[in-house]
Amino acid sequence: MRGTELIDCAKSSAPQGLERAASNCGYGDDIEAFQSNLKQACQEIGLKDFKNLNDLITDRQRMVQQGGVEIAPDSQTSL
């Protein structure tokens, strides 16, 4: 897996940790190859500030990880 497909996979697996993300993205135990290909993929799409997997974790993922509460309306018409 490479490119944006790799970034998407890594992003969804990032909260589970580096080893799990590498495995989920098809790299098994090859953490080095996973990190190298992920960094290259991020550079190709212009994410110059990418340093490690934690950079892909969104604020929403962090909130869910920490047990935050998501507040939303019951439906689009019911605020």
N, C-alpha and C. Protein backbone atom coordinates (compact mmCIF):
# COMPACT_ATOMS: atom_id res chain seq x y z
N MET A 1 0.85 -1.16 0.00
CA MET A 1 0.00 0.00 0.00
C MET A 1 0.90 1.24 0.00
N ARG A 2 0.53 2.22 -0.82
CA ARG A 2 1.32 3.44 -0.94
C ARG A 2 0.41 4.64 -1.18
N GLY A 3 1.01 5.81 -1.22
CA GLY A 3 0.31 7.03 -1.56
C GLY A 3 -0.80 7.39 -0.59
N THR A 4 -1.86 7.99 -1.14
CA THR A 4 -2.96 8.45 -0.29
C THR A 4 -3.67 7.28 0.39
N GLU A 5 -3.66 6.12 -0.24
CA GLU A 5 -4.27 4.93 0.37
C GLU A 5 -3.53 4.58 1.67
N LEU A 6 -2.21 4.67 1.64
CA LEU A 6 -1.41 4.42 2.83
C LEU A 6 -1.67 5.47 3.90
N ILE A 7 -1.76 6.72 3.51
CA ILE A 7 -2.02 7.79 4.47
C ILE A 7 -3.38 7.59 5.13
N ASP A 8 -4.39 7.27 4.34
CA ASP A 8 -5.72 7.04 4.90
C ASP A 8 -5.73 5.88 5.88
N CYS A 9 -5.06 4.80 5.52
CA CYS A 9 -4.99 3.63 6.40
C CYS A 9 -4.24 3.98 7.69
N ALA A 10 -3.12 4.65 7.54
CA ALA A 10 -2.32 5.03 8.71
C ALA A 10 -3.09 5.98 9.62
N LYS A 11 -3.80 6.91 9.02
CA LYS A 11 -4.57 7.88 9.80
C LYS A 11 -5.65 7.18 10.62
N SER A 12 -6.33 6.22 10.02
CA SER A 12 -7.40 5.54 10.75
C SER A 12 -6.85 4.61 11.83
N SER A 13 -5.63 4.12 11.65
CA SER A 13 -5.03 3.21 12.62
C SER A 13 -4.11 3.91 13.63
N ALA A 14 -3.80 5.17 13.39
CA ALA A 14 -2.83 5.90 14.22
C ALA A 14 -3.12 5.85 15.72
N PRO A 15 -4.37 6.02 16.15
CA PRO A 15 -4.62 5.99 17.60
C PRO A 15 -4.28 4.65 18.26
N GLN A 16 -4.18 3.59 17.47
CA GLN A 16 -3.89 2.26 18.00
C GLN A 16 -2.40 2.01 18.16
N GLY A 17 -1.57 2.92 17.68
CA GLY A 17 -0.13 2.79 17.84
C GLY A 17 0.57 2.42 16.55
N LEU A 18 1.88 2.62 16.55
CA LEU A 18 2.71 2.42 15.37
C LEU A 18 2.71 0.98 14.88
N GLU A 19 2.90 0.02 15.78
CA GLU A 19 2.97 -1.38 15.38
C GLU A 19 1.66 -1.84 14.76
N ARG A 20 0.56 -1.44 15.37
CA ARG A 20 -0.77 -1.84 14.87
C ARG A 20 -1.05 -1.18 13.52
N ALA A 21 -0.68 0.09 13.38
CA ALA A 21 -0.89 0.80 12.12
C ALA A 21 -0.09 0.14 10.99
N ALA A 22 1.16 -0.20 11.26
CA ALA A 22 1.98 -0.86 10.24
C ALA A 22 1.36 -2.18 9.83
N SER A 23 0.91 -2.94 10.79
CA SER A 23 0.28 -4.22 10.50
C SER A 23 -1.01 -4.04 9.70
N ASN A 24 -1.86 -3.11 10.13
CA ASN A 24 -3.13 -2.86 9.44
C ASN A 24 -2.94 -2.38 8.01
N CYS A 25 -1.83 -1.71 7.75
CA CYS A 25 -1.56 -1.17 6.42
C CYS A 25 -0.78 -2.14 5.54
N GLY A 26 -0.59 -3.35 6.01
CA GLY A 26 0.04 -4.38 5.18
C GLY A 26 1.54 -4.50 5.30
N TYR A 27 2.14 -3.87 6.30
CA TYR A 27 3.59 -3.91 6.46
C TYR A 27 4.04 -4.91 7.52
N GLY A 28 3.10 -5.57 8.17
CA GLY A 28 3.44 -6.55 9.19
C GLY A 28 4.32 -5.95 10.27
N ASP A 29 5.48 -6.57 10.49
CA ASP A 29 6.43 -6.10 11.51
C ASP A 29 7.49 -5.15 10.96
N ASP A 30 7.40 -4.82 9.67
CA ASP A 30 8.41 -3.96 9.03
C ASP A 30 8.09 -2.48 9.28
N ILE A 31 8.34 -2.05 10.51
CA ILE A 31 8.04 -0.69 10.94
C ILE A 31 8.83 0.34 10.14
N GLU A 32 10.09 0.03 9.85
CA GLU A 32 10.94 0.97 9.11
C GLU A 32 10.39 1.27 7.72
N ALA A 33 9.99 0.22 7.01
CA ALA A 33 9.44 0.40 5.66
C ALA A 33 8.13 1.18 5.72
N PHE A 34 7.31 0.86 6.72
CA PHE A 34 6.05 1.57 6.89
C PHE A 34 6.29 3.06 7.11
N GLN A 35 7.16 3.40 8.04
CA GLN A 35 7.45 4.80 8.34
C GLN A 35 8.06 5.52 7.13
N SER A 36 8.97 4.86 6.45
CA SER A 36 9.62 5.46 5.29
C SER A 36 8.61 5.74 4.18
N ASN A 37 7.78 4.76 3.86
CA ASN A 37 6.79 4.93 2.80
C ASN A 37 5.71 5.94 3.19
N LEU A 38 5.36 5.97 4.47
CA LEU A 38 4.37 6.93 4.94
C LEU A 38 4.92 8.35 4.84
N LYS A 39 6.16 8.53 5.24
CA LYS A 39 6.79 9.85 5.15
C LYS A 39 6.87 10.30 3.69
N GLN A 40 7.25 9.40 2.80
CA GLN A 40 7.34 9.72 1.38
C GLN A 40 5.96 10.09 0.83
N ALA A 41 4.94 9.33 1.21
CA ALA A 41 3.58 9.61 0.73
C ALA A 41 3.11 10.98 1.21
N CYS A 42 3.41 11.32 2.44
CA CYS A 42 3.01 12.62 2.98
C CYS A 42 3.73 13.76 2.25
N GLN A 43 4.99 13.56 1.95
CA GLN A 43 5.75 14.59 1.22
C GLN A 43 5.18 14.76 -0.19
N GLU A 44 4.76 13.67 -0.81
CA GLU A 44 4.22 13.73 -2.17
C GLU A 44 2.93 14.53 -2.24
N ILE A 45 2.15 14.54 -1.17
CA ILE A 45 0.91 15.31 -1.20
C ILE A 45 1.05 16.67 -0.53
N GLY A 46 2.26 17.00 -0.11
CA GLY A 46 2.53 18.32 0.42
C GLY A 46 2.45 18.47 1.92
N LEU A 47 2.42 17.38 2.66
CA LEU A 47 2.43 17.45 4.13
C LEU A 47 3.89 17.52 4.59
N LYS A 48 4.48 18.67 4.47
CA LYS A 48 5.90 18.85 4.78
C LYS A 48 6.21 18.75 6.28
N ASP A 49 5.20 19.03 7.12
CA ASP A 49 5.41 19.02 8.57
C ASP A 49 5.30 17.63 9.19
N PHE A 50 5.06 16.61 8.38
CA PHE A 50 4.91 15.25 8.91
C PHE A 50 6.23 14.76 9.49
N LYS A 51 6.18 14.34 10.75
CA LYS A 51 7.38 13.81 11.41
C LYS A 51 7.16 12.36 11.87
N ASN A 52 5.95 12.08 12.38
CA ASN A 52 5.66 10.72 12.80
C ASN A 52 4.16 10.46 12.75
N LEU A 53 3.77 9.26 13.08
CA LEU A 53 2.39 8.83 12.97
C LEU A 53 1.44 9.70 13.78
N ASN A 54 1.89 10.22 14.91
CA ASN A 54 1.03 11.06 15.75
C ASN A 54 0.58 12.33 15.03
N ASP A 55 1.32 12.76 14.03
CA ASP A 55 0.94 13.95 13.27
C ASP A 55 -0.34 13.73 12.48
N LEU A 56 -0.73 12.48 12.26
CA LEU A 56 -1.93 12.18 11.50
C LEU A 56 -3.18 12.04 12.37
N ILE A 57 -3.00 12.00 13.67
CA ILE A 57 -4.15 11.85 14.57
C ILE A 57 -4.90 13.17 14.64
N THR A 58 -6.18 13.12 14.34
CA THR A 58 -7.00 14.33 14.36
C THR A 58 -7.42 14.66 15.78
N ASP A 59 -7.87 15.89 15.98
CA ASP A 59 -8.36 16.30 17.30
C ASP A 59 -9.54 15.43 17.72
N ARG A 60 -10.38 15.08 16.78
CA ARG A 60 -11.54 14.24 17.09
C ARG A 60 -11.09 12.86 17.57
N GLN A 61 -10.09 12.28 16.91
CA GLN A 61 -9.57 10.98 17.34
C GLN A 61 -8.98 11.08 18.74
N ARG A 62 -8.28 12.17 19.03
CA ARG A 62 -7.71 12.36 20.36
C ARG A 62 -8.80 12.46 21.42
N MET A 63 -9.88 13.17 21.08
CA MET A 63 -10.97 13.33 22.02
C MET A 63 -11.62 11.98 22.32
N VAL A 64 -11.83 11.18 21.30
CA VAL A 64 -12.42 9.86 21.49
C VAL A 64 -11.48 8.98 22.30
N GLN A 65 -10.19 9.06 22.02
CA GLN A 65 -9.19 8.29 22.75
C GLN A 65 -9.19 8.65 24.23
N GLN A 66 -9.36 9.91 24.53
CA GLN A 66 -9.33 10.38 25.90
C GLN A 66 -10.68 10.25 26.59
N GLY A 67 -11.67 9.75 25.88
CA GLY A 67 -12.97 9.55 26.49
C GLY A 67 -13.81 10.81 26.51
N GLY A 68 -13.58 11.71 25.56
CA GLY A 68 -14.37 12.93 25.48
C GLY A 68 -15.79 12.64 25.05
N VAL A 69 -16.61 13.63 25.11
CA VAL A 69 -18.00 13.50 24.75
C VAL A 69 -18.25 14.29 23.47
N GLU A 70 -18.89 13.65 22.50
CA GLU A 70 -19.24 14.33 21.26
C GLU A 70 -20.67 14.83 21.40
N ILE A 71 -20.87 16.11 21.16
CA ILE A 71 -22.20 16.70 21.27
C ILE A 71 -22.69 17.01 19.87
N ALA A 72 -23.86 16.47 19.54
CA ALA A 72 -24.43 16.68 18.22
C ALA A 72 -25.95 16.64 18.33
N PRO A 73 -26.65 17.26 17.38
CA PRO A 73 -28.10 17.22 17.41
C PRO A 73 -28.61 15.81 17.11
N ASP A 74 -29.85 15.54 17.50
CA ASP A 74 -30.45 14.24 17.24
C ASP A 74 -30.62 14.00 15.75
N SER A 75 -30.90 15.05 15.02
CA SER A 75 -31.04 14.95 13.56
C SER A 75 -30.69 16.31 12.96
N GLN A 76 -30.68 16.38 11.64
CA GLN A 76 -30.35 17.65 10.97
C GLN A 76 -31.40 18.70 11.20
N THR A 77 -32.63 18.30 11.44
CA THR A 77 -33.70 19.26 11.64
C THR A 77 -33.97 19.57 13.10
N SER A 78 -33.41 18.78 14.00
CA SER A 78 -33.64 18.97 15.42
C SER A 78 -32.37 19.43 16.11
N LEU A 79 -32.27 20.71 16.34
CA LEU A 79 -31.11 21.25 17.03
C LEU A 79 -31.43 21.36 18.49
